[in-house]
Amino acid sequence: MIRLALPQEASAVRDLVRAAYQHYVPRIGREPMPMTDDYGQRIADGQCWVLIDDAALAGVLVLEEQEDCFMLENIAVAPDRQGQGLGRVLLDFAETQAYRAGWDAITLYTNVKMTENIAIYRARGYEERERRGEHGFERVYMVKPLVA
């Protein structure tokens, strides 16, 4: 089940995201931005979704409608639940939400050093649009056209 996160889940969401991204810290040289995001605010803004599986928090998704795009800001699966297809479930949900909101594409970014993520997104139909430095990170922006 995927639903909007509840205010009382902000700490659990933060903890899941931190655990999911922890292995990137040595590769990047610092904590990736999702590890430092304000999930209380994301929840208050209606941008944070949770995947509940077997009555446990198994995944997190942050979606943001921006002025020029529908942005998948963050996708995270609990480390002990990775490799079970939950990331695909979250990506499907994100793409459906973008389409339902009237967008014809969904945008995301990832760190250039997260090469496995880039490969996953490419396999899912995302195309690289640009690379740029932001907030001290080198990011790869990718877009996927959405069809009915």
Protein backbone atom coordinates (compact mmCIF):
# COMPACT_ATOMS: atom_id res chain seq x y z
CA MET A 1 0.00 0.00 0.00
CA ILE A 2 1.29 3.46 -0.91
CA ARG A 3 -0.20 6.46 0.87
CA LEU A 4 0.71 9.96 1.94
CA ALA A 5 3.00 9.98 4.95
CA LEU A 6 1.54 11.07 8.27
CA PRO A 7 3.12 13.81 10.43
CA GLN A 8 4.00 11.31 13.16
CA GLU A 9 6.01 9.29 10.60
CA ALA A 10 8.57 12.02 9.88
CA SER A 11 11.27 10.44 12.05
CA ALA A 12 10.70 6.96 10.63
CA VAL A 13 10.82 8.36 7.07
CA ARG A 14 14.06 10.20 7.82
CA ASP A 15 15.59 7.08 9.39
CA LEU A 16 14.64 4.90 6.39
CA VAL A 17 16.08 7.40 3.92
CA ARG A 18 19.29 7.76 5.93
CA ALA A 19 19.72 3.98 6.04
CA ALA A 20 18.98 3.60 2.32
CA TYR A 21 21.53 6.25 1.28
CA GLN A 22 24.24 5.56 3.89
CA HIS A 23 26.33 3.39 1.57
CA TYR A 24 26.74 6.33 -0.85
CA VAL A 25 28.49 8.56 1.70
CA PRO A 26 32.01 7.14 1.11
CA ARG A 27 31.51 7.23 -2.67
CA ILE A 28 30.25 10.81 -2.78
CA GLY A 29 32.35 12.09 0.10
CA ARG A 30 29.39 13.52 2.03
CA GLU A 31 25.77 12.80 2.80
CA PRO A 32 23.52 12.92 -0.27
CA MET A 33 20.82 15.59 -0.06
CA PRO A 34 17.98 13.14 0.68
CA MET A 35 19.72 12.30 3.95
CA THR A 36 19.40 15.91 5.11
CA ASP A 37 15.93 16.78 3.77
CA ASP A 38 13.22 18.10 6.09
CA TYR A 39 10.68 15.28 6.00
CA GLY A 40 8.37 16.98 8.49
CA GLN A 41 8.01 19.82 5.97
CA ARG A 42 7.73 17.44 3.00
CA ILE A 43 4.91 15.62 4.82
CA ALA A 44 3.18 18.91 5.71
CA ASP A 45 3.41 19.94 2.04
CA GLY A 46 1.80 16.66 0.88
CA GLN A 47 4.94 15.63 -1.02
CA CYS A 48 5.99 12.53 0.91
CA TRP A 49 4.54 9.10 0.26
CA VAL A 50 5.25 5.86 2.09
CA LEU A 51 5.12 2.25 0.97
CA ILE A 52 3.80 -0.03 3.68
CA ASP A 53 4.51 -3.72 3.16
CA ASP A 54 3.81 -6.44 5.73
CA ALA A 55 2.66 -3.69 8.13
CA ALA A 56 6.11 -2.05 8.04
CA LEU A 57 7.52 1.08 6.43
CA ALA A 58 9.38 -0.31 3.43
CA GLY A 59 9.83 2.66 1.09
CA VAL A 60 9.63 6.43 0.73
CA LEU A 61 8.86 8.62 -2.24
CA VAL A 62 9.05 12.41 -2.45
CA LEU A 63 7.18 13.98 -5.37
CA GLU A 64 7.07 17.71 -6.06
CA GLU A 65 5.13 19.61 -8.67
CA GLN A 66 7.44 22.39 -9.72
CA GLU A 67 6.71 25.29 -12.03
CA ASP A 68 8.13 23.54 -15.10
CA CYS A 69 8.05 19.82 -14.25
CA PHE A 70 6.81 17.01 -12.06
CA MET A 71 9.89 16.10 -10.03
CA LEU A 72 10.66 12.78 -8.41
CA GLU A 73 12.81 14.24 -5.64
CA ASN A 74 13.61 11.07 -3.76
CA ILE A 75 12.95 7.36 -3.85
CA ALA A 76 14.24 5.10 -1.10
CA VAL A 77 13.71 1.49 -0.09
CA ALA A 78 14.67 0.13 3.33
CA PRO A 79 17.99 -1.71 3.00
CA ASP A 80 16.53 -5.01 4.21
CA ARG A 81 13.79 -4.76 1.58
CA GLN A 82 15.95 -3.88 -1.43
CA GLY A 83 16.01 -6.30 -4.35
CA GLN A 84 12.36 -7.27 -3.90
CA GLY A 85 10.88 -5.04 -6.61
CA LEU A 86 9.66 -2.32 -4.26
CA GLY A 87 11.66 0.36 -6.08
CA ARG A 88 9.82 -0.56 -9.28
CA VAL A 89 6.51 -0.29 -7.44
CA LEU A 90 7.45 3.18 -6.21
CA LEU A 91 8.62 4.28 -9.67
CA ASP A 92 5.36 3.05 -11.22
CA PHE A 93 3.42 4.99 -8.60
CA ALA A 94 5.45 8.17 -9.20
CA GLU A 95 4.88 7.99 -12.93
CA THR A 96 1.16 7.40 -12.43
CA GLN A 97 0.94 10.37 -10.06
CA ALA A 98 2.66 12.62 -12.61
CA TYR A 99 0.29 11.48 -15.34
CA ARG A 100 -2.80 11.93 -13.13
CA ALA A 101 -1.62 15.45 -12.30
CA GLY A 102 -1.67 16.25 -16.02
CA TRP A 103 2.03 16.08 -16.80
CA ASP A 104 3.30 14.43 -19.99
CA ALA A 105 6.71 13.65 -18.46
CA ILE A 106 8.40 13.01 -15.14
CA THR A 107 11.80 14.38 -14.17
CA LEU A 108 14.34 13.13 -11.66
CA TYR A 109 17.97 13.65 -10.81
CA THR A 110 20.62 11.52 -9.22
CA ASN A 111 24.25 11.97 -8.32
CA VAL A 112 26.67 11.20 -11.14
CA LYS A 113 28.44 8.77 -8.80
CA MET A 114 25.26 6.73 -8.31
CA THR A 115 25.91 4.92 -11.57
CA GLU A 116 23.68 1.95 -10.76
CA ASN A 117 20.73 4.31 -10.37
CA ILE A 118 21.44 5.92 -13.73
CA ALA A 119 21.43 2.47 -15.34
CA ILE A 120 18.13 1.55 -13.65
CA TYR A 121 16.48 4.76 -14.80
CA ARG A 122 17.75 4.35 -18.37
CA ALA A 123 16.32 0.81 -18.43
CA ARG A 124 12.99 2.30 -17.31
CA GLY A 125 12.89 4.72 -20.25
CA TYR A 126 14.42 7.81 -18.65
CA GLU A 127 16.67 9.86 -20.91
CA GLU A 128 19.54 11.98 -19.69
CA ARG A 129 18.88 15.66 -20.33
CA GLU A 130 21.75 17.40 -18.61
CA ARG A 131 24.47 17.25 -15.99
CA ARG A 132 25.09 20.15 -13.69
CA GLY A 133 26.55 21.06 -10.34
CA GLU A 134 24.10 22.13 -7.65
CA HIS A 135 24.56 22.54 -3.89
CA GLY A 136 28.03 21.00 -4.16
CA PHE A 137 26.80 17.86 -5.97
CA GLU A 138 27.22 16.78 -9.58
CA ARG A 139 23.76 15.76 -10.76
CA VAL A 140 22.36 13.92 -13.74
CA TYR A 141 18.88 15.10 -14.73
CA MET A 142 16.71 12.55 -16.50
CA VAL A 143 13.23 12.74 -18.04
CA LYS A 144 10.73 10.09 -19.02
CA PRO A 145 7.84 10.87 -21.36
CA LEU A 146 4.51 9.55 -20.06
CA VAL A 147 1.90 7.98 -22.29
CA ALA A 148 -1.69 6.92 -21.59
